[in-house]
N, C-alpha and C. Protein backbone atom coordinates (compact mmCIF):
# COMPACT_ATOMS: atom_id res chain seq x y z
N MET A 1 163.24 72.00 173.20
CA MET A 1 162.34 72.47 172.84
C MET A 1 164.01 74.21 173.04
N THR A 2 163.78 74.90 171.72
CA THR A 2 164.83 76.15 172.67
C THR A 2 164.22 77.17 172.19
N THR A 3 164.42 78.51 173.43
CA THR A 3 164.34 79.54 173.59
C THR A 3 165.19 80.32 173.65
N ARG A 4 165.67 80.70 171.91
CA ARG A 4 166.48 81.60 171.93
C ARG A 4 167.08 82.97 172.35
N ALA A 5 168.17 83.55 173.12
CA ALA A 5 167.88 84.43 173.36
C ALA A 5 169.41 85.76 172.61
N VAL A 6 169.76 86.90 172.69
CA VAL A 6 171.07 87.58 172.90
C VAL A 6 171.01 88.24 174.36
N VAL A 7 172.24 88.66 174.27
CA VAL A 7 172.77 89.45 175.69
C VAL A 7 173.39 90.85 175.04
N LYS A 8 173.11 91.58 175.36
CA LYS A 8 173.67 93.00 174.74
C LYS A 8 173.87 93.88 175.26
N PHE A 9 175.53 94.37 175.60
CA PHE A 9 176.39 94.85 176.49
C PHE A 9 176.85 96.17 175.92
N GLN A 10 176.50 97.25 176.63
CA GLN A 10 175.98 98.58 176.36
C GLN A 10 176.63 99.30 177.37
N TRP A 11 177.12 100.37 176.90
CA TRP A 11 177.87 101.44 177.54
C TRP A 11 177.95 102.60 176.81
N ARG A 12 177.09 103.43 177.79
CA ARG A 12 176.83 104.77 177.60
C ARG A 12 175.95 104.33 176.33
N GLY A 13 175.00 104.00 176.18
CA GLY A 13 173.74 103.35 175.45
C GLY A 13 174.26 102.54 173.96
N GLU A 14 175.47 102.75 173.53
CA GLU A 14 175.68 102.07 172.42
C GLU A 14 176.04 100.72 172.87
N THR A 15 175.67 99.79 171.54
CA THR A 15 175.78 98.16 171.83
C THR A 15 177.55 97.54 171.13
N ASP A 16 178.24 97.51 172.66
CA ASP A 16 179.86 97.13 172.50
C ASP A 16 179.90 95.71 171.90
N ALA A 17 178.94 94.66 172.97
CA ALA A 17 179.41 93.11 172.62
C ALA A 17 177.99 92.62 172.78
N ILE A 18 177.62 91.24 172.31
CA ILE A 18 176.50 90.89 172.15
C ILE A 18 176.88 88.82 172.23
N ILE A 19 176.29 88.58 172.79
CA ILE A 19 176.21 87.28 172.97
C ILE A 19 174.77 86.30 172.61
N TYR A 20 175.05 85.04 171.74
CA TYR A 20 173.49 84.60 171.47
C TYR A 20 173.30 83.23 172.17
N LYS A 21 172.45 82.76 173.13
CA LYS A 21 172.08 81.45 173.87
C LYS A 21 171.16 80.80 173.11
N HIS A 22 171.55 79.39 172.57
CA HIS A 22 170.49 79.06 171.85
C HIS A 22 169.40 78.28 172.65
N CYS A 23 169.60 78.00 174.00
CA CYS A 23 168.48 77.29 174.55
C CYS A 23 168.41 77.96 176.08
N ASP A 24 166.92 77.90 176.77
CA ASP A 24 167.01 78.34 177.75
C ASP A 24 167.25 79.75 178.05
N GLY A 25 166.72 80.63 177.76
CA GLY A 25 166.89 81.94 177.24
C GLY A 25 165.72 82.66 178.05
N TYR A 26 164.73 81.81 178.53
CA TYR A 26 163.54 82.44 179.28
C TYR A 26 164.23 83.31 180.59
N PRO A 27 163.72 84.10 181.39
CA PRO A 27 163.90 84.48 182.33
C PRO A 27 164.24 84.09 183.72
N GLU A 28 163.66 82.80 183.26
CA GLU A 28 163.95 81.88 184.40
C GLU A 28 164.81 81.21 184.44
N GLY A 29 165.70 80.88 183.37
CA GLY A 29 166.63 80.17 182.65
C GLY A 29 168.01 81.09 182.64
N LEU A 30 168.13 81.81 181.45
CA LEU A 30 169.16 82.75 181.46
C LEU A 30 168.81 84.20 181.94
N GLY A 31 167.80 84.73 182.56
CA GLY A 31 167.69 86.21 183.34
C GLY A 31 168.12 85.40 184.69
N SER A 32 168.12 84.45 185.47
CA SER A 32 168.60 83.98 186.58
C SER A 32 169.79 83.78 186.55
N LEU A 33 170.24 83.42 185.67
CA LEU A 33 172.38 83.26 185.34
C LEU A 33 173.02 84.58 184.91
N LEU A 34 172.24 85.66 184.23
CA LEU A 34 172.64 86.38 184.35
C LEU A 34 172.99 87.44 186.07
N LEU A 35 171.33 87.33 186.69
CA LEU A 35 171.58 87.77 187.66
C LEU A 35 172.52 87.20 188.62
N ARG A 36 172.64 86.48 188.60
CA ARG A 36 174.34 85.44 189.51
C ARG A 36 175.29 85.58 188.88
N PHE A 37 175.74 85.75 187.82
CA PHE A 37 176.78 86.61 187.10
C PHE A 37 176.92 87.32 187.75
N ILE A 38 176.76 88.35 187.42
CA ILE A 38 176.54 90.05 187.58
C ILE A 38 177.55 89.55 189.43
N GLU A 39 176.51 88.93 190.24
CA GLU A 39 176.44 89.06 191.72
C GLU A 39 177.96 88.29 192.06
N GLU A 40 178.51 87.40 191.02
CA GLU A 40 179.43 86.44 191.72
C GLU A 40 180.85 87.39 190.96
N VAL A 41 180.77 88.19 189.80
CA VAL A 41 182.00 89.03 189.43
C VAL A 41 181.70 90.24 190.45
N ARG A 42 180.87 90.77 190.94
CA ARG A 42 181.17 91.90 191.89
C ARG A 42 181.92 91.44 192.91
N HIS A 43 181.18 90.40 193.49
CA HIS A 43 182.26 89.93 194.78
C HIS A 43 183.73 89.30 194.60
N SER A 44 184.11 88.92 193.36
CA SER A 44 185.45 87.94 193.04
C SER A 44 186.16 89.22 192.88
N GLN A 45 187.36 88.51 193.08
CA GLN A 45 188.84 89.02 193.51
C GLN A 45 188.81 90.37 191.97
N GLN A 46 188.54 89.52 190.78
CA GLN A 46 188.68 89.97 189.59
C GLN A 46 187.94 91.02 189.40
N ARG A 47 187.72 92.14 189.70
CA ARG A 47 186.43 92.82 189.34
C ARG A 47 186.85 93.82 187.98
N ASN A 48 188.18 93.66 187.91
CA ASN A 48 188.59 94.49 186.79
C ASN A 48 187.55 94.17 185.74
N PHE A 49 186.86 93.00 185.55
CA PHE A 49 185.86 92.93 184.27
C PHE A 49 185.08 93.59 184.65
N LEU A 50 184.24 93.83 184.99
CA LEU A 50 183.32 95.08 185.25
C LEU A 50 183.80 96.08 184.31
N ASP A 51 184.95 96.54 184.03
CA ASP A 51 185.31 98.06 183.66
C ASP A 51 184.63 98.35 182.15
N GLY A 52 184.18 97.33 181.51
CA GLY A 52 183.42 97.10 179.28
C GLY A 52 182.84 96.17 179.85
N PRO A 53 182.21 96.48 178.91
CA PRO A 53 181.44 95.24 177.90
C PRO A 53 182.42 94.43 177.31
N GLY A 54 183.50 94.14 176.92
CA GLY A 54 184.12 93.32 176.01
C GLY A 54 184.49 92.62 177.25
N GLY A 55 185.24 92.84 177.93
CA GLY A 55 185.16 91.88 179.62
C GLY A 55 184.56 91.02 180.26
N MET A 56 183.33 92.05 180.09
CA MET A 56 182.17 91.22 180.96
C MET A 56 181.36 89.73 180.09
N ALA A 57 181.51 90.33 178.46
CA ALA A 57 180.80 89.21 177.65
C ALA A 57 181.96 88.09 177.56
N ALA A 58 183.10 88.38 177.72
CA ALA A 58 183.92 87.03 177.66
C ALA A 58 183.80 86.13 178.90
N ARG A 59 184.10 87.12 180.34
CA ARG A 59 183.56 86.56 180.82
C ARG A 59 181.97 85.44 181.08
N LEU A 60 181.10 86.10 180.93
CA LEU A 60 180.03 85.77 180.65
C LEU A 60 179.70 84.50 179.57
N CYS A 61 180.62 83.76 178.64
CA CYS A 61 180.52 83.30 177.96
C CYS A 61 181.28 81.78 178.95
N ALA A 62 182.44 82.81 179.16
CA ALA A 62 182.80 81.41 180.06
C ALA A 62 181.69 80.69 181.37
N PHE A 63 181.39 81.72 181.70
CA PHE A 63 180.56 81.47 182.66
C PHE A 63 179.12 80.83 181.88
N LEU A 64 178.41 81.08 180.95
CA LEU A 64 177.58 80.23 180.86
C LEU A 64 178.24 78.55 180.26
N LEU A 65 179.26 78.43 179.47
CA LEU A 65 179.51 76.88 179.63
C LEU A 65 179.69 76.42 180.46
N LYS A 66 180.32 77.12 181.37
CA LYS A 66 180.48 76.10 182.82
C LYS A 66 179.28 75.73 183.54
N ALA A 67 178.26 76.46 183.41
CA ALA A 67 177.19 75.83 183.97
C ALA A 67 175.93 75.25 182.86
N ASP A 68 176.42 75.00 181.49
CA ASP A 68 176.22 74.31 180.79
C ASP A 68 176.75 73.89 179.56
N PRO A 69 177.50 72.91 179.76
CA PRO A 69 179.23 72.78 178.75
C PRO A 69 178.48 72.38 177.07
N GLY A 70 177.62 71.90 177.55
CA GLY A 70 177.15 71.45 175.64
C GLY A 70 176.23 72.44 175.07
N GLU A 71 175.87 73.52 176.00
CA GLU A 71 175.34 74.50 175.56
C GLU A 71 175.78 75.47 174.13
N VAL A 72 175.12 75.98 172.85
CA VAL A 72 175.53 76.86 172.05
C VAL A 72 175.36 78.78 172.66
N VAL A 73 177.01 78.73 173.04
CA VAL A 73 176.87 80.16 172.99
C VAL A 73 177.83 80.94 172.41
N GLU A 74 177.61 82.15 171.75
CA GLU A 74 177.96 82.74 170.45
C GLU A 74 178.33 83.77 170.57
N VAL A 75 179.16 84.47 170.28
CA VAL A 75 179.43 86.11 170.23
C VAL A 75 179.12 86.34 169.07
N CYS A 76 178.33 87.17 168.77
CA CYS A 76 178.16 87.58 167.60
C CYS A 76 178.38 89.29 167.44
N MET A 77 178.05 89.74 165.34
CA MET A 77 178.21 91.21 165.50
C MET A 77 177.07 91.68 165.60
N LYS A 78 175.79 91.39 165.41
CA LYS A 78 174.56 91.80 165.29
C LYS A 78 174.05 90.45 166.01
N PRO A 79 172.55 90.78 166.40
CA PRO A 79 171.54 90.01 166.48
C PRO A 79 171.03 88.82 165.72
N PRO A 80 170.63 87.53 165.76
CA PRO A 80 170.48 86.74 164.17
C PRO A 80 169.32 87.65 163.89
N GLY A 81 168.58 87.28 165.12
CA GLY A 81 167.17 87.93 164.53
C GLY A 81 165.94 86.74 164.52
N ASP A 82 166.26 85.61 165.37
CA ASP A 82 165.27 84.60 165.62
C ASP A 82 164.74 84.50 167.19
N GLU A 83 165.86 85.62 168.11
CA GLU A 83 165.76 85.49 169.41
C GLU A 83 164.49 85.99 169.88
N GLU A 84 164.34 85.27 171.14
CA GLU A 84 162.55 85.29 171.69
C GLU A 84 162.64 86.05 172.91
N PHE A 85 164.33 86.45 173.24
CA PHE A 85 163.87 87.51 174.29
C PHE A 85 165.23 88.33 174.26
N THR A 86 165.33 89.78 174.75
CA THR A 86 166.75 90.54 174.41
C THR A 86 167.08 90.53 176.09
N TYR A 87 168.08 90.56 176.28
CA TYR A 87 168.73 91.06 177.35
C TYR A 87 169.76 92.22 177.39
N ILE A 88 169.73 93.27 178.24
CA ILE A 88 170.79 94.09 177.80
C ILE A 88 170.85 94.93 179.51
N ILE A 89 172.30 94.24 179.30
CA ILE A 89 173.55 94.34 180.50
C ILE A 89 174.11 96.34 180.46
N GLU A 90 173.77 97.29 180.94
CA GLU A 90 174.21 98.13 180.91
C GLU A 90 175.34 98.08 182.18
N CYS A 91 176.90 98.47 181.18
CA CYS A 91 177.97 98.54 181.97
C CYS A 91 177.57 100.21 182.45
N LYS A 92 177.83 99.85 183.95
CA LYS A 92 178.25 101.46 184.47
C LYS A 92 179.96 101.72 184.63
N GLY A 93 181.21 101.20 184.02
CA GLY A 93 182.25 101.34 184.30
C GLY A 93 183.16 100.04 185.81
N ALA A 94 183.68 101.10 186.24
CA ALA A 94 184.68 100.58 187.06
C ALA A 94 183.87 100.72 188.97
N SER A 95 183.18 101.48 188.58
CA SER A 95 182.28 102.09 190.27
C SER A 95 181.89 100.86 190.25
N PHE A 96 182.01 100.39 191.61
CA PHE A 96 181.35 99.05 192.46
C PHE A 96 180.28 99.53 192.84
N GLN A 97 180.19 101.10 193.72
CA GLN A 97 178.83 101.64 194.04
C GLN A 97 177.40 101.65 192.94
N LYS A 98 178.05 101.89 191.78
CA LYS A 98 176.44 101.25 190.50
C LYS A 98 176.93 100.13 189.39
N PRO A 99 176.38 99.05 190.76
CA PRO A 99 177.13 97.44 189.49
C PRO A 99 175.91 97.76 187.91
N PRO A 100 176.53 97.17 187.22
CA PRO A 100 175.59 96.68 185.58
C PRO A 100 173.92 96.50 186.11
N THR A 101 173.30 96.75 185.46
CA THR A 101 172.01 96.89 185.40
C THR A 101 171.52 95.51 184.57
N VAL A 102 170.93 95.08 184.34
CA VAL A 102 170.09 93.88 183.53
C VAL A 102 168.70 94.14 183.35
N THR A 103 168.15 94.17 182.02
CA THR A 103 167.14 94.23 181.90
C THR A 103 166.52 92.85 180.73
N CYS A 104 165.16 92.91 180.77
CA CYS A 104 164.95 91.60 179.93
C CYS A 104 163.55 92.06 179.15
N TRP A 105 163.63 91.90 177.93
CA TRP A 105 162.06 92.22 177.22
C TRP A 105 162.30 91.21 176.35
N ARG A 106 160.76 91.21 175.28
CA ARG A 106 160.69 90.36 173.91
C ARG A 106 159.43 90.90 173.63
N PRO A 107 159.01 90.70 172.62
CA PRO A 107 158.16 91.42 171.64
C PRO A 107 156.67 90.39 172.15
N ASP A 108 155.81 91.17 172.32
CA ASP A 108 154.35 90.35 172.75
C ASP A 108 153.58 90.03 171.17
N GLU A 109 152.88 89.53 170.96
CA GLU A 109 151.32 89.23 170.28
C GLU A 109 151.50 90.40 169.32
N SER A 110 151.41 91.25 170.01
CA SER A 110 151.34 92.32 168.81
C SER A 110 152.59 93.09 168.33
N GLY A 111 153.69 92.57 168.70
CA GLY A 111 154.79 93.30 168.15
C GLY A 111 155.35 94.29 168.95
N GLU A 112 154.35 94.58 170.36
CA GLU A 112 155.60 96.05 171.00
C GLU A 112 156.25 95.14 171.87
N THR A 113 157.01 95.62 172.40
CA THR A 113 158.21 95.15 173.23
C THR A 113 157.56 95.45 174.62
N VAL A 114 157.88 94.19 175.46
CA VAL A 114 157.41 93.96 177.08
C VAL A 114 158.67 93.82 177.59
N THR A 115 158.67 94.91 178.70
CA THR A 115 159.68 94.36 179.47
C THR A 115 159.25 93.66 180.68
N ILE A 116 160.42 92.82 181.08
CA ILE A 116 159.98 91.50 181.91
C ILE A 116 160.57 91.90 183.62
N PRO A 117 160.30 91.82 184.23
CA PRO A 117 161.19 91.69 185.54
C PRO A 117 161.94 90.34 186.21
N LEU A 118 163.49 90.94 186.01
CA LEU A 118 163.96 89.62 186.81
C LEU A 118 163.78 89.48 187.94
N GLU A 119 164.09 88.43 188.76
CA GLU A 119 164.24 87.66 189.70
C GLU A 119 165.32 87.17 190.05
N LYS A 120 165.70 86.77 191.67
CA LYS A 120 167.48 85.87 191.50
C LYS A 120 166.29 84.89 192.05
N ALA A 121 166.64 83.61 191.43
CA ALA A 121 166.46 82.16 191.56
C ALA A 121 166.79 82.00 192.85
């Protein structure tokens, strides 16, 4: 069974990069991976990847494919529309006192947006 998701990288409220993940997009799957990704990048020697959405998106693609080489991960210009979860990574620039934030939401049965809290696995 697939649980499709998109990850939107935002800078100053504008979406600059989008990644589509075909499977395991639920918070316990992709959500946990995103939190781990942010922590690993913050503690790596290559912190310049936090400078903007494009660099973070490229690094996330590599991270997700390393975690699951058979996964379908795509960079796209706009969401495909069939995603069940949407994650927003708000890039805050190179200031490591303010790391990127990650939020997750999905529509409920009535079509309203529900924010889902993410926890580290």
